[in-house]
């Protein structure tokens, strides 16, 4: 608490000098030109990508740590709590998509402001985004608790399971502002040139969650066994602590939050419009993928439980296979946004070349390894011969499209960083529609392998189209736009 108080005091002292009439204002807004905050605009591109991807590796690994910890500990309590978590995870993911979209919507214009050396505008965006995130989390929490029973009945939960689900979700909804602030803090740290801080804090939050889950679920010392409520409480507290540390680090390192700016109601509302205009299409884009995957699971379920089990197992392996490229992608939007704000379009072009080449080569090597060792990989995890065979088909077909999947994701990062979130959403919509339609007709045509070939074809087509769109934006549109601005 003392650290946070010190940060607020320093905020107030800095913000006193931000009036337009103060001659120090231009110095304050420009003093970060050689600061580490905008290092994305200065470092050698290949070194920059390396230095941003490596710190994100532990953070990427920890992304699923919260759910894994809850699942592991609650499984020891019996079937009912574990089944309840199966209904909880999709809802938590959907709400999380809203907060991710909002976080990127705040981070992108903030990173653009840092890129052009305008620290004051960056602080205004971050401060406005913090307030908007708080209000959005309150709305989500109140609406979620008010519609809790109805929501989970739509998912198919029966009357006996609803009370168990409610034990978790009432606490999670009440504390969902912690996950909102944690996600916002991570995005702002990455956007302001602090990827190492972001990666370490994500890992710390996951480790703290594991410890608190075990303590609160099973009890110990002054804490009685809380069961499902303990899992929710451990998650909320760990995310809250991580969020406080993130905000404190941002204030001490970057001075991004200026409380006096909240007095400018007109300015706040104008920035909210900018953030919401960016966030809504991004949120829709993030929501499309889990919704599309739900339809694919329904299509695959027609081939039996073995098919679902096999695809679920390979889906977990896919996260590991794409770990390195996903780590690069986590900071890619920030890199593009800062250089876009600085109008350093040659660096954006070079970043696009390097990142796309790296993604394709890296994932092609993964696909070759998966093709050669498919049976050994499948038999390491399962023994059922039907599941093993389906896993082999999946590993030998779908993995050759992983590179184009990452290229699709990277292209969306470039479109977002260049202030085209709607185009990124349209690209995601194209991919989901093609994937669902292709999987349906592939299943009719050639069974389960038809679904796999449909995924492969979708990855290449959608990834190629999205890459061409990103290339057109980066190579054709913005040089002329820059000339118009300078004229």
Foldseek 3Di string as FASTA:
>chain_A
DVLVVVLQVVLQVVVVQCDPPRPCNVVVFQVCPVPLQLCLQPDDLVVVLVVQLVLCLLLLVLPCLLVVLLLVVLVVVDDLLNVLSVLVVVVVLLVLLLLLLLLLLLLQLLLLSVLQRGLVVSLLSLQLSLVVLVVVLLVQLVVCLVCVVVVSVVVPDDPVNSVSNCLQSNLCSVLVSLLSLLSNLLSNCLLRNNSNLSSVLSNQLSVQLSVQLVCACCHDDPHHHDNSNSSNVSNSVSSNVSSVVSVSCCSVRRVRYRPVSVVVVVSSVVSVVSSCVSRVLSSLLSVLVVVLVVLLLVLQCVVDPLSSVLVVVVVVVLSVLCSSLVSSLVSLLSSLLSCLSNVVLVSVVVNLVVSLVCLLVSLQVVLVVCLVCVLVVLVVVDDPPSSSVSSNLLSNQQSNLRSLQSLLSSLCSNCSSNPNSNVNSVLSVQLSVQLSVQLNVLCVVPNSSSNSNSNSVSSVVSSVVSSVVSCCCSPPPSVVVVVVVVD
